[in-house]
């Protein structure tokens, strides 16, 4: 797992889940039409944050960001995503000793040296 993407996924995903639960609770606890609209907006905002968080999470696992569509399943999609295999693999550049995580790179993005397989 690539740490910088994992941190971003937590920063967006956790508030997204909390907003979804909070909006659902607010929607069920009131009958005021204005509060129903506000709670729907809160739920939608939570979904968008969860979607962004899942994009970063899939990138952190070395997967295609299209996997973030599991956000439509909310917490169930997050559980499924947590269970898929991590495809990232750290490679060390032989020339500059930089760590490269992206499996699509054939050369080091820092110095241009070919990376070992």
PDB file of N, CA and C in Angstrom:
ATOM      1  N   UNK A   1       0.848  -1.178   0.000  1.00  0.00           N
ATOM      2  CA  UNK A   1       0.000   0.000   0.000  1.00  0.00           C
ATOM      3  C   UNK A   1       0.891   1.237   0.000  1.00  0.00           C
ATOM      4  N   UNK A   2       0.595   2.151  -0.872  1.00  0.00           N
ATOM      5  CA  UNK A   2       1.351   3.392  -0.948  1.00  0.00           C
ATOM      6  C   UNK A   2       0.824   4.331   0.139  1.00  0.00           C
ATOM      7  N   UNK A   3       1.704   4.717   1.047  1.00  0.00           N
ATOM      8  CA  UNK A   3       1.302   5.437   2.254  1.00  0.00           C
ATOM      9  C   UNK A   3       0.634   6.779   1.970  1.00  0.00           C
ATOM     10  N   UNK A   4       1.133   7.535   0.994  1.00  0.00           N
ATOM     11  CA  UNK A   4       0.556   8.861   0.758  1.00  0.00           C
ATOM     12  C   UNK A   4      -0.894   8.748   0.275  1.00  0.00           C
ATOM     13  N   UNK A   5      -1.206   7.734  -0.528  1.00  0.00           N
ATOM     14  CA  UNK A   5      -2.585   7.533  -0.970  1.00  0.00           C
ATOM     15  C   UNK A   5      -3.451   6.992   0.167  1.00  0.00           C
ATOM     16  N   UNK A   6      -2.874   6.159   1.008  1.00  0.00           N
ATOM     17  CA  UNK A   6      -3.624   5.626   2.139  1.00  0.00           C
ATOM     18  C   UNK A   6      -4.039   6.748   3.090  1.00  0.00           C
ATOM     19  N   UNK A   7      -3.132   7.685   3.358  1.00  0.00           N
ATOM     20  CA  UNK A   7      -3.445   8.810   4.234  1.00  0.00           C
ATOM     21  C   UNK A   7      -4.543   9.685   3.641  1.00  0.00           C
ATOM     22  N   UNK A   8      -4.466   9.931   2.332  1.00  0.00           N
ATOM     23  CA  UNK A   8      -5.506  10.738   1.679  1.00  0.00           C
ATOM     24  C   UNK A   8      -6.845  10.015   1.681  1.00  0.00           C
ATOM     25  N   UNK A   9      -6.809   8.703   1.523  1.00  0.00           N
ATOM     26  CA  UNK A   9      -8.068   7.953   1.518  1.00  0.00           C
ATOM     27  C   UNK A   9      -8.755   8.036   2.876  1.00  0.00           C
ATOM     28  N   UNK A  10      -7.977   7.994   3.932  1.00  0.00           N
ATOM     29  CA  UNK A  10      -8.554   8.145   5.269  1.00  0.00           C
ATOM     30  C   UNK A  10      -9.085   9.562   5.488  1.00  0.00           C
ATOM     31  N   UNK A  11      -8.355  10.560   4.998  1.00  0.00           N
ATOM     32  CA  UNK A  11      -8.752  11.956   5.193  1.00  0.00           C
ATOM     33  C   UNK A  11     -10.075  12.279   4.497  1.00  0.00           C
ATOM     34  N   UNK A  12     -10.358  11.614   3.385  1.00  0.00           N
ATOM     35  CA  UNK A  12     -11.619  11.849   2.678  1.00  0.00           C
ATOM     36  C   UNK A  12     -12.682  10.809   3.024  1.00  0.00           C
ATOM     37  N   UNK A  13     -12.293   9.561   3.110  1.00  0.00           N
ATOM     38  CA  UNK A  13     -13.256   8.476   3.276  1.00  0.00           C
ATOM     39  C   UNK A  13     -13.937   8.437   4.628  1.00  0.00           C
ATOM     40  N   UNK A  14     -13.174   8.629   5.699  1.00  0.00           N
ATOM     41  CA  UNK A  14     -13.760   8.563   7.035  1.00  0.00           C
ATOM     42  C   UNK A  14     -14.806   9.657   7.265  1.00  0.00           C
ATOM     43  N   UNK A  15     -14.513  10.927   6.938  1.00  0.00           N
ATOM     44  CA  UNK A  15     -15.576  11.932   7.067  1.00  0.00           C
ATOM     45  C   UNK A  15     -16.773  11.634   6.163  1.00  0.00           C
ATOM     46  N   UNK A  16     -16.509  11.042   5.007  1.00  0.00           N
ATOM     47  CA  UNK A  16     -17.599  10.691   4.101  1.00  0.00           C
ATOM     48  C   UNK A  16     -18.559   9.685   4.718  1.00  0.00           C
ATOM     49  N   UNK A  17     -18.003   8.653   5.343  1.00  0.00           N
ATOM     50  CA  UNK A  17     -18.847   7.644   5.992  1.00  0.00           C
ATOM     51  C   UNK A  17     -19.604   8.265   7.155  1.00  0.00           C
ATOM     52  N   UNK A  18     -18.917   9.081   7.953  1.00  0.00           N
ATOM     53  CA  UNK A  18     -19.569   9.722   9.100  1.00  0.00           C
ATOM     54  C   UNK A  18     -20.695  10.657   8.660  1.00  0.00           C
ATOM     55  N   UNK A  19     -20.474  11.403   7.580  1.00  0.00           N
ATOM     56  CA  UNK A  19     -21.532  12.280   7.071  1.00  0.00           C
ATOM     57  C   UNK A  19     -22.722  11.481   6.555  1.00  0.00           C
ATOM     58  N   UNK A  20     -22.461  10.350   5.922  1.00  0.00           N
ATOM     59  CA  UNK A  20     -23.574   9.517   5.454  1.00  0.00           C
ATOM     60  C   UNK A  20     -24.410   9.013   6.622  1.00  0.00           C
ATOM     61  N   UNK A  21     -23.753   8.507   7.654  1.00  0.00           N
ATOM     62  CA  UNK A  21     -24.492   8.018   8.821  1.00  0.00           C
ATOM     63  C   UNK A  21     -25.217   9.157   9.540  1.00  0.00           C
ATOM     64  N   UNK A  22     -24.532  10.310   9.678  1.00  0.00           N
ATOM     65  CA  UNK A  22     -25.153  11.464  10.328  1.00  0.00           C
ATOM     66  C   UNK A  22     -26.351  11.986   9.559  1.00  0.00           C
ATOM     67  N   UNK A  23     -26.231  12.054   8.248  1.00  0.00           N
ATOM     68  CA  UNK A  23     -27.350  12.505   7.417  1.00  0.00           C
ATOM     69  C   UNK A  23     -28.525  11.545   7.478  1.00  0.00           C
ATOM     70  N   UNK A  24     -28.233  10.259   7.498  1.00  0.00           N
ATOM     71  CA  UNK A  24     -29.301   9.251   7.611  1.00  0.00           C
ATOM     72  C   UNK A  24     -30.009   9.368   8.959  1.00  0.00           C
ATOM     73  N   UNK A  25     -29.229   9.561  10.024  1.00  0.00           N
ATOM     74  CA  UNK A  25     -29.813   9.719  11.355  1.00  0.00           C
ATOM     75  C   UNK A  25     -30.684  10.974  11.415  1.00  0.00           C
ATOM     76  N   UNK A  26     -30.193  12.070  10.841  1.00  0.00           N
ATOM     77  CA  UNK A  26     -30.940  13.324  10.824  1.00  0.00           C
ATOM     78  C   UNK A  26     -32.235  13.180  10.032  1.00  0.00           C
ATOM     79  N   UNK A  27     -32.167  12.471   8.926  1.00  0.00           N
ATOM     80  CA  UNK A  27     -33.344  12.282   8.081  1.00  0.00           C
ATOM     81  C   UNK A  27     -34.425  11.477   8.802  1.00  0.00           C
ATOM     82  N   UNK A  28     -34.007  10.479   9.565  1.00  0.00           N
ATOM     83  CA  UNK A  28     -34.976   9.638  10.262  1.00  0.00           C
ATOM     84  C   UNK A  28     -35.504  10.275  11.541  1.00  0.00           C
ATOM     85  N   UNK A  29     -34.783  11.252  12.093  1.00  0.00           N
ATOM     86  CA  UNK A  29     -35.200  11.823  13.370  1.00  0.00           C
ATOM     87  C   UNK A  29     -36.075  13.061  13.240  1.00  0.00           C
ATOM     88  N   UNK A  30     -36.322  13.531  12.039  1.00  0.00           N
ATOM     89  CA  UNK A  30     -37.133  14.732  11.873  1.00  0.00           C
ATOM     90  C   UNK A  30     -38.153  14.545  10.758  1.00  0.00           C
ATOM     91  N   UNK A  31     -39.235  15.301  10.862  1.00  0.00           N
ATOM     92  CA  UNK A  31     -40.253  15.260   9.805  1.00  0.00           C
ATOM     93  C   UNK A  31     -40.341  16.598   9.077  1.00  0.00           C
ATOM     94  N   UNK A  32     -39.496  17.544   9.446  1.00  0.00           N
ATOM     95  CA  UNK A  32     -39.476  18.856   8.813  1.00  0.00           C
ATOM     96  C   UNK A  32     -38.937  18.724   7.388  1.00  0.00           C
ATOM     97  N   UNK A  33     -39.677  19.222   6.383  1.00  0.00           N
ATOM     98  CA  UNK A  33     -39.217  19.107   4.988  1.00  0.00           C
ATOM     99  C   UNK A  33     -37.868  19.794   4.737  1.00  0.00           C
ATOM    100  N   UNK A  34     -37.623  20.923   5.391  1.00  0.00           N
ATOM    101  CA  UNK A  34     -36.353  21.621   5.195  1.00  0.00           C
ATOM    102  C   UNK A  34     -35.190  20.782   5.740  1.00  0.00           C
ATOM    103  N   UNK A  35     -35.403  20.119   6.864  1.00  0.00           N
ATOM    104  CA  UNK A  35     -34.354  19.269   7.429  1.00  0.00           C
ATOM    105  C   UNK A  35     -34.136  18.023   6.573  1.00  0.00           C
ATOM    106  N   UNK A  36     -35.200  17.538   5.934  1.00  0.00           N
ATOM    107  CA  UNK A  36     -35.046  16.395   5.031  1.00  0.00           C
ATOM    108  C   UNK A  36     -34.167  16.754   3.841  1.00  0.00           C
ATOM    109  N   UNK A  37     -34.354  17.959   3.324  1.00  0.00           N
ATOM    110  CA  UNK A  37     -33.514  18.414   2.212  1.00  0.00           C
ATOM    111  C   UNK A  37     -32.071  18.572   2.677  1.00  0.00           C
ATOM    112  N   UNK A  38     -31.889  19.179   3.852  1.00  0.00           N
ATOM    113  CA  UNK A  38     -30.539  19.366   4.386  1.00  0.00           C
ATOM    114  C   UNK A  38     -29.863  18.024   4.629  1.00  0.00           C
ATOM    115  N   UNK A  39     -30.601  17.057   5.165  1.00  0.00           N
ATOM    116  CA  UNK A  39     -30.007  15.753   5.424  1.00  0.00           C
ATOM    117  C   UNK A  39     -29.657  15.029   4.122  1.00  0.00           C
ATOM    118  N   UNK A  40     -30.461  15.227   3.089  1.00  0.00           N
ATOM    119  CA  UNK A  40     -30.148  14.632   1.784  1.00  0.00           C
ATOM    120  C   UNK A  40     -28.863  15.224   1.212  1.00  0.00           C
ATOM    121  N   UNK A  41     -28.679  16.527   1.401  1.00  0.00           N
ATOM    122  CA  UNK A  41     -27.451  17.178   0.933  1.00  0.00           C
ATOM    123  C   UNK A  41     -26.246  16.659   1.724  1.00  0.00           C
ATOM    124  N   UNK A  42     -26.421  16.453   3.031  1.00  0.00           N
ATOM    125  CA  UNK A  42     -25.340  15.916   3.866  1.00  0.00           C
ATOM    126  C   UNK A  42     -24.972  14.501   3.418  1.00  0.00           C
ATOM    127  N   UNK A  43     -25.981  13.681   3.124  1.00  0.00           N
ATOM    128  CA  UNK A  43     -25.727  12.315   2.654  1.00  0.00           C
ATOM    129  C   UNK A  43     -24.984  12.342   1.321  1.00  0.00           C
ATOM    130  N   UNK A  44     -25.397  13.230   0.416  1.00  0.00           N
ATOM    131  CA  UNK A  44     -24.739  13.351  -0.886  1.00  0.00           C
ATOM    132  C   UNK A  44     -23.288  13.811  -0.732  1.00  0.00           C
ATOM    133  N   UNK A  45     -23.059  14.775   0.140  1.00  0.00           N
ATOM    134  CA  UNK A  45     -21.693  15.234   0.395  1.00  0.00           C
ATOM    135  C   UNK A  45     -20.843  14.098   0.962  1.00  0.00           C
ATOM    136  N   UNK A  46     -21.425  13.318   1.858  1.00  0.00           N
ATOM    137  CA  UNK A  46     -20.728  12.165   2.414  1.00  0.00           C
ATOM    138  C   UNK A  46     -20.375  11.150   1.346  1.00  0.00           C
ATOM    139  N   UNK A  47     -21.298  10.938   0.405  1.00  0.00           N
ATOM    140  CA  UNK A  47     -21.028   9.996  -0.687  1.00  0.00           C
ATOM    141  C   UNK A  47     -19.873  10.487  -1.549  1.00  0.00           C
ATOM    142  N   UNK A  48     -19.873  11.784  -1.867  1.00  0.00           N
ATOM    143  CA  UNK A  48     -18.809  12.340  -2.712  1.00  0.00           C
ATOM    144  C   UNK A  48     -17.446  12.204  -2.008  1.00  0.00           C
ATOM    145  N   UNK A  49     -17.406  12.497  -0.705  1.00  0.00           N
ATOM    146  CA  UNK A  49     -16.151  12.344   0.033  1.00  0.00           C
ATOM    147  C   UNK A  49     -15.702  10.889   0.080  1.00  0.00           C
ATOM    148  N   UNK A  50     -16.653   9.979   0.272  1.00  0.00           N
ATOM    149  CA  UNK A  50     -16.312   8.553   0.279  1.00  0.00           C
ATOM    150  C   UNK A  50     -15.791   8.119  -1.090  1.00  0.00           C
ATOM    151  N   UNK A  51     -16.393   8.610  -2.149  1.00  0.00           N
ATOM    152  CA  UNK A  51     -15.949   8.291  -3.504  1.00  0.00           C
ATOM    153  C   UNK A  51     -14.508   8.760  -3.728  1.00  0.00           C
ATOM    154  N   UNK A  52     -14.196   9.984  -3.309  1.00  0.00           N
ATOM    155  CA  UNK A  52     -12.835  10.503  -3.445  1.00  0.00           C
ATOM    156  C   UNK A  52     -11.870   9.675  -2.608  1.00  0.00           C
ATOM    157  N   UNK A  53     -12.278   9.339  -1.391  1.00  0.00           N
ATOM    158  CA  UNK A  53     -11.434   8.515  -0.530  1.00  0.00           C
ATOM    159  C   UNK A  53     -11.164   7.152  -1.130  1.00  0.00           C
ATOM    160  N   UNK A  54     -12.165   6.570  -1.778  1.00  0.00           N
ATOM    161  CA  UNK A  54     -11.984   5.253  -2.393  1.00  0.00           C
ATOM    162  C   UNK A  54     -11.104   5.334  -3.646  1.00  0.00           C
ATOM    163  N   UNK A  55     -11.128   6.462  -4.326  1.00  0.00           N
ATOM    164  CA  UNK A  55     -10.216   6.644  -5.464  1.00  0.00           C
ATOM    165  C   UNK A  55      -8.774   6.567  -4.966  1.00  0.00           C
ATOM    166  N   UNK A  56      -8.486   7.296  -3.896  1.00  0.00           N
ATOM    167  CA  UNK A  56      -7.130   7.256  -3.338  1.00  0.00           C
ATOM    168  C   UNK A  56      -6.788   5.871  -2.783  1.00  0.00           C
ATOM    169  N   UNK A  57      -7.760   5.201  -2.196  1.00  0.00           N
ATOM    170  CA  UNK A  57      -7.503   3.872  -1.635  1.00  0.00           C
ATOM    171  C   UNK A  57      -7.151   2.873  -2.735  1.00  0.00           C
ATOM    172  N   UNK A  58      -7.894   2.927  -3.868  1.00  0.00           N
ATOM    173  CA  UNK A  58      -7.595   2.007  -4.964  1.00  0.00           C
ATOM    174  C   UNK A  58      -6.234   2.318  -5.588  1.00  0.00           C
ATOM    175  N   UNK A  59      -5.898   3.607  -5.695  1.00  0.00           N
ATOM    176  CA  UNK A  59      -4.577   3.964  -6.216  1.00  0.00           C
ATOM    177  C   UNK A  59      -3.491   3.496  -5.262  1.00  0.00           C
ATOM    178  N   UNK A  60      -3.750   3.565  -3.975  1.00  0.00           N
ATOM    179  CA  UNK A  60      -2.792   3.107  -2.984  1.00  0.00           C
ATOM    180  C   UNK A  60      -2.567   1.610  -3.026  1.00  0.00           C
ATOM    181  N   UNK A  61      -3.563   0.869  -3.486  1.00  0.00           N
ATOM    182  CA  UNK A  61      -3.433  -0.588  -3.612  1.00  0.00           C
ATOM    183  C   UNK A  61      -2.911  -0.996  -4.993  1.00  0.00           C
ATOM    184  N   UNK A  62      -2.617  -0.007  -5.842  1.00  0.00           N
ATOM    185  CA  UNK A  62      -2.088  -0.312  -7.166  1.00  0.00           C
ATOM    186  C   UNK A  62      -3.166  -0.769  -8.129  1.00  0.00           C
ATOM    187  N   UNK A  63      -4.387  -0.420  -7.861  1.00  0.00           N
ATOM    188  CA  UNK A  63      -5.522  -0.821  -8.700  1.00  0.00           C
ATOM    189  C   UNK A  63      -6.016   0.354  -9.532  1.00  0.00           C
ATOM    190  N   UNK A  64      -6.840   0.030 -10.518  1.00  0.00           N
ATOM    191  CA  UNK A  64      -7.474   1.041 -11.350  1.00  0.00           C
ATOM    192  C   UNK A  64      -8.459   1.836 -10.501  1.00  0.00           C
ATOM    193  N   UNK A  65      -8.461   3.174 -10.622  1.00  0.00           N
ATOM    194  CA  UNK A  65      -9.396   3.975  -9.835  1.00  0.00           C
ATOM    195  C   UNK A  65     -10.873   3.675 -10.097  1.00  0.00           C
ATOM    196  N   UNK A  66     -11.185   2.931 -11.157  1.00  0.00           N
ATOM    197  CA  UNK A  66     -12.581   2.564 -11.416  1.00  0.00           C
ATOM    198  C   UNK A  66     -13.149   1.689 -10.300  1.00  0.00           C
ATOM    199  N   UNK A  67     -12.278   1.071  -9.520  1.00  0.00           N
ATOM    200  CA  UNK A  67     -12.745   0.285  -8.378  1.00  0.00           C
ATOM    201  C   UNK A  67     -13.486   1.156  -7.369  1.00  0.00           C
ATOM    202  N   UNK A  68     -13.308   2.469  -7.448  1.00  0.00           N
ATOM    203  CA  UNK A  68     -13.974   3.362  -6.506  1.00  0.00           C
ATOM    204  C   UNK A  68     -15.484   3.337  -6.680  1.00  0.00           C
ATOM    205  N   UNK A  69     -15.971   2.769  -7.765  1.00  0.00           N
ATOM    206  CA  UNK A  69     -17.420   2.675  -7.969  1.00  0.00           C
ATOM    207  C   UNK A  69     -18.094   1.805  -6.913  1.00  0.00           C
ATOM    208  N   UNK A  70     -17.286   1.063  -6.157  1.00  0.00           N
ATOM    209  CA  UNK A  70     -17.841   0.312  -5.027  1.00  0.00           C
ATOM    210  C   UNK A  70     -18.378   1.248  -3.952  1.00  0.00           C
ATOM    211  N   UNK A  71     -18.087   2.540  -4.069  1.00  0.00           N
ATOM    212  CA  UNK A  71     -18.629   3.517  -3.121  1.00  0.00           C
ATOM    213  C   UNK A  71     -20.155   3.554  -3.185  1.00  0.00           C
ATOM    214  N   UNK A  72     -20.726   3.112  -4.289  1.00  0.00           N
ATOM    215  CA  UNK A  72     -22.192   3.051  -4.382  1.00  0.00           C
ATOM    216  C   UNK A  72     -22.762   2.055  -3.382  1.00  0.00           C
ATOM    217  N   UNK A  73     -21.933   1.145  -2.901  1.00  0.00           N
ATOM    218  CA  UNK A  73     -22.370   0.180  -1.882  1.00  0.00           C
ATOM    219  C   UNK A  73     -22.033   0.651  -0.470  1.00  0.00           C
ATOM    220  N   UNK A  74     -21.483   1.859  -0.361  1.00  0.00           N
ATOM    221  CA  UNK A  74     -21.116   2.482   0.911  1.00  0.00           C
ATOM    222  C   UNK A  74     -20.174   1.595   1.717  1.00  0.00           C
ATOM    223  N   UNK A  75     -20.510   1.277   2.935  1.00  0.00           N
ATOM    224  CA  UNK A  75     -19.600   0.553   3.827  1.00  0.00           C
ATOM    225  C   UNK A  75     -19.320  -0.866   3.315  1.00  0.00           C
ATOM    226  N   UNK A  76     -20.280  -1.470   2.640  1.00  0.00           N
ATOM    227  CA  UNK A  76     -20.080  -2.812   2.074  1.00  0.00           C
ATOM    228  C   UNK A  76     -19.026  -2.762   0.968  1.00  0.00           C
ATOM    229  N   UNK A  77     -19.076  -1.716   0.142  1.00  0.00           N
ATOM    230  CA  UNK A  77     -18.068  -1.544  -0.898  1.00  0.00           C
ATOM    231  C   UNK A  77     -16.686  -1.327  -0.329  1.00  0.00           C
ATOM    232  N   UNK A  78     -16.624  -0.619   0.793  1.00  0.00           N
ATOM    233  CA  UNK A  78     -15.338  -0.406   1.452  1.00  0.00           C
ATOM    234  C   UNK A  78     -14.773  -1.722   1.986  1.00  0.00           C
ATOM    235  N   UNK A  79     -15.623  -2.568   2.517  1.00  0.00           N
ATOM    236  CA  UNK A  79     -15.179  -3.876   3.014  1.00  0.00           C
ATOM    237  C   UNK A  79     -14.659  -4.734   1.855  1.00  0.00           C
ATOM    238  N   UNK A  80     -15.382  -4.724   0.739  1.00  0.00           N
ATOM    239  CA  UNK A  80     -14.948  -5.483  -0.441  1.00  0.00           C
ATOM    240  C   UNK A  80     -13.588  -4.969  -0.914  1.00  0.00           C
ATOM    241  N   UNK A  81     -13.458  -3.653  -0.969  1.00  0.00           N
ATOM    242  CA  UNK A  81     -12.208  -3.053  -1.433  1.00  0.00           C
ATOM    243  C   UNK A  81     -11.049  -3.380  -0.502  1.00  0.00           C
ATOM    244  N   UNK A  82     -11.314  -3.458   0.782  1.00  0.00           N
ATOM    245  CA  UNK A  82     -10.265  -3.798   1.742  1.00  0.00           C
ATOM    246  C   UNK A  82      -9.793  -5.241   1.574  1.00  0.00           C
ATOM    247  N   UNK A  83     -10.653  -6.098   1.018  1.00  0.00           N
ATOM    248  CA  UNK A  83     -10.318  -7.515   0.867  1.00  0.00           C
ATOM    249  C   UNK A  83      -9.558  -7.832  -0.416  1.00  0.00           C
ATOM    250  N   UNK A  84      -9.562  -6.926  -1.396  1.00  0.00           N
ATOM    251  CA  UNK A  84      -8.857  -7.233  -2.641  1.00  0.00           C
ATOM    252  C   UNK A  84      -7.349  -7.135  -2.438  1.00  0.00           C
ATOM    253  N   UNK A  85      -6.625  -7.843  -3.270  1.00  0.00           N
ATOM    254  CA  UNK A  85      -5.171  -7.957  -3.136  1.00  0.00           C
ATOM    255  C   UNK A  85      -4.479  -6.638  -3.477  1.00  0.00           C
ATOM    256  N   UNK A  86      -3.465  -6.344  -2.716  1.00  0.00           N
ATOM    257  CA  UNK A  86      -2.638  -5.167  -2.941  1.00  0.00           C
ATOM    258  C   UNK A  86      -1.653  -5.474  -4.071  1.00  0.00           C
ATOM    259  N   UNK A  87      -1.679  -4.673  -5.141  1.00  0.00           N
ATOM    260  CA  UNK A  87      -0.800  -4.921  -6.283  1.00  0.00           C
ATOM    261  C   UNK A  87       0.463  -4.073  -6.277  1.00  0.00           C
ATOM    262  N   UNK A  88       0.626  -3.240  -5.257  1.00  0.00           N
ATOM    263  CA  UNK A  88       1.823  -2.395  -5.247  1.00  0.00           C
ATOM    264  C   UNK A  88       3.041  -3.209  -4.868  1.00  0.00           C
ATOM    265  N   UNK A  89       4.128  -2.769  -5.390  1.00  0.00           N
ATOM    266  CA  UNK A  89       5.393  -3.453  -5.143  1.00  0.00           C
ATOM    267  C   UNK A  89       6.490  -2.398  -5.193  1.00  0.00           C
ATOM    268  N   UNK A  90       7.251  -2.322  -4.146  1.00  0.00           N
ATOM    269  CA  UNK A  90       8.300  -1.319  -4.066  1.00  0.00           C
ATOM    270  C   UNK A  90       9.524  -1.813  -4.834  1.00  0.00           C
ATOM    271  N   UNK A  91      10.008  -0.954  -5.712  1.00  0.00           N
ATOM    272  CA  UNK A  91      11.254  -1.239  -6.417  1.00  0.00           C
ATOM    273  C   UNK A  91      12.233  -0.118  -6.105  1.00  0.00           C
ATOM    274  N   UNK A  92      13.491  -0.456  -5.981  1.00  0.00           N
ATOM    275  CA  UNK A  92      14.538   0.514  -5.674  1.00  0.00           C
ATOM    276  C   UNK A  92      15.346   0.783  -6.928  1.00  0.00           C
ATOM    277  N   UNK A  93      15.493   2.055  -7.240  1.00  0.00           N
ATOM    278  CA  UNK A  93      16.310   2.437  -8.390  1.00  0.00           C
ATOM    279  C   UNK A  93      17.767   2.122  -8.078  1.00  0.00           C
ATOM    280  N   UNK A  94      18.464   1.412  -8.985  1.00  0.00           N
ATOM    281  CA  UNK A  94      19.863   1.061  -8.717  1.00  0.00           C
ATOM    282  C   UNK A  94      20.813   2.258  -8.748  1.00  0.00           C
ATOM    283  N   UNK A  95      20.399   3.352  -9.396  1.00  0.00           N
ATOM    284  CA  UNK A  95      21.305   4.496  -9.509  1.00  0.00           C
ATOM    285  C   UNK A  95      21.102   5.516  -8.390  1.00  0.00           C
ATOM    286  N   UNK A  96      19.849   5.963  -8.161  1.00  0.00           N
ATOM    287  CA  UNK A  96      19.629   7.029  -7.172  1.00  0.00           C
ATOM    288  C   UNK A  96      19.013   6.509  -5.873  1.00  0.00           C
ATOM    289  N   UNK A  97      18.731   5.221  -5.790  1.00  0.00           N
ATOM    290  CA  UNK A  97      18.129   4.535  -4.638  1.00  0.00           C
ATOM    291  C   UNK A  97      16.763   5.101  -4.244  1.00  0.00           C
ATOM    292  N   UNK A  98      16.066   5.714  -5.196  1.00  0.00           N
ATOM    293  CA  UNK A  98      14.712   6.205  -4.940  1.00  0.00           C
ATOM    294  C   UNK A  98      13.748   5.020  -4.937  1.00  0.00           C
ATOM    295  N   UNK A  99      12.706   5.094  -4.108  1.00  0.00           N
ATOM    296  CA  UNK A  99      11.696   4.038  -4.060  1.00  0.00           C
ATOM    297  C   UNK A  99      10.600   4.341  -5.070  1.00  0.00           C
ATOM    298  N   UNK A 100      10.294   3.374  -5.937  1.00  0.00           N
ATOM    299  CA  UNK A 100       9.270   3.534  -6.965  1.00  0.00           C
ATOM    300  C   UNK A 100       8.192   2.485  -6.715  1.00  0.00           C
ATOM    301  N   UNK A 101       6.957   2.946  -6.546  1.00  0.00           N
ATOM    302  CA  UNK A 101       5.856   2.027  -6.244  1.00  0.00           C
ATOM    303  C   UNK A 101       4.983   1.721  -7.453  1.00  0.00           C
ATOM    304  N   UNK A 102       4.939   2.606  -8.411  1.00  0.00           N
ATOM    305  CA  UNK A 102       4.035   2.424  -9.551  1.00  0.00           C
ATOM    306  C   UNK A 102       4.569   1.313 -10.450  1.00  0.00           C
ATOM    307  N   UNK A 103       3.771   0.249 -10.639  1.00  0.00           N
ATOM    308  CA  UNK A 103       4.233  -0.901 -11.419  1.00  0.00           C
ATOM    309  C   UNK A 103       4.303  -0.609 -12.915  1.00  0.00           C
ATOM    310  N   UNK A 104       3.687   0.494 -13.352  1.00  0.00           N
ATOM    311  CA  UNK A 104       3.704   0.799 -14.782  1.00  0.00           C
ATOM    312  C   UNK A 104       5.008   1.492 -15.203  1.00  0.00           C
ATOM    313  N   UNK A 105       5.784   1.985 -14.248  1.00  0.00           N
ATOM    314  CA  UNK A 105       7.036   2.662 -14.592  1.00  0.00           C
ATOM    315  C   UNK A 105       8.107   1.636 -14.941  1.00  0.00           C
ATOM    316  N   UNK A 106       8.736   1.843 -16.090  1.00  0.00           N
ATOM    317  CA  UNK A 106       9.865   1.002 -16.475  1.00  0.00           C
ATOM    318  C   UNK A 106      11.175   1.692 -16.142  1.00  0.00           C
ATOM    319  N   UNK A 107      11.118   3.028 -16.034  1.00  0.00           N
ATOM    320  CA  UNK A 107      12.300   3.792 -15.670  1.00  0.00           C
ATOM    321  C   UNK A 107      12.006   4.613 -14.424  1.00  0.00           C
ATOM    322  N   UNK A 108      13.040   4.980 -13.722  1.00  0.00           N
ATOM    323  CA  UNK A 108      12.907   5.792 -12.507  1.00  0.00           C
ATOM    324  C   UNK A 108      12.423   7.194 -12.888  1.00  0.00           C
ATOM    325  N   UNK A 109      11.378   7.703 -12.254  1.00  0.00           N
ATOM    326  CA  UNK A 109      10.900   9.031 -12.588  1.00  0.00           C
ATOM    327  C   UNK A 109      11.860  10.145 -12.139  1.00  0.00           C
ATOM    328  N   UNK A 110      12.786   9.807 -11.247  1.00  0.00           N
ATOM    329  CA  UNK A 110      13.715  10.810 -10.728  1.00  0.00           C
ATOM    330  C   UNK A 110      14.945  10.949 -11.602  1.00  0.00           C
ATOM    331  N   UNK A 111      15.569   9.816 -11.980  1.00  0.00           N
ATOM    332  CA  UNK A 111      16.843   9.888 -12.724  1.00  0.00           C
ATOM    333  C   UNK A 111      16.777   9.273 -14.130  1.00  0.00           C
ATOM    334  N   UNK A 112      15.737   8.498 -14.431  1.00  0.00           N
ATOM    335  CA  UNK A 112      15.597   7.913 -15.757  1.00  0.00           C
ATOM    336  C   UNK A 112      16.241   6.554 -15.937  1.00  0.00           C
ATOM    337  N   UNK A 113      16.850   6.016 -14.893  1.00  0.00           N
ATOM    338  CA  UNK A 113      17.495   4.690 -14.959  1.00  0.00           C
ATOM    339  C   UNK A 113      16.426   3.604 -15.091  1.00  0.00           C
ATOM    340  N   UNK A 114      16.756   2.542 -15.869  1.00  0.00           N
ATOM    341  CA  UNK A 114      15.828   1.408 -15.996  1.00  0.00           C
ATOM    342  C   UNK A 114      15.713   0.684 -14.658  1.00  0.00           C
ATOM    343  N   UNK A 115      14.487   0.344 -14.307  1.00  0.00           N
ATOM    344  CA  UNK A 115      14.229  -0.332 -13.015  1.00  0.00           C
ATOM    345  C   UNK A 115      14.279  -1.838 -13.184  1.00  0.00           C
ATOM    346  N   UNK A 116      14.786  -2.555 -12.175  1.00  0.00           N
ATOM    347  CA  UNK A 116      14.786  -4.015 -12.242  1.00  0.00           C
ATOM    348  C   UNK A 116      13.361  -4.540 -12.147  1.00  0.00           C
ATOM    349  N   UNK A 117      13.126  -5.681 -12.750  1.00  0.00           N
ATOM    350  CA  UNK A 117      11.775  -6.254 -12.768  1.00  0.00           C
ATOM    351  C   UNK A 117      11.300  -6.728 -11.432  1.00  0.00           C
TER     352      UNK A 117
END
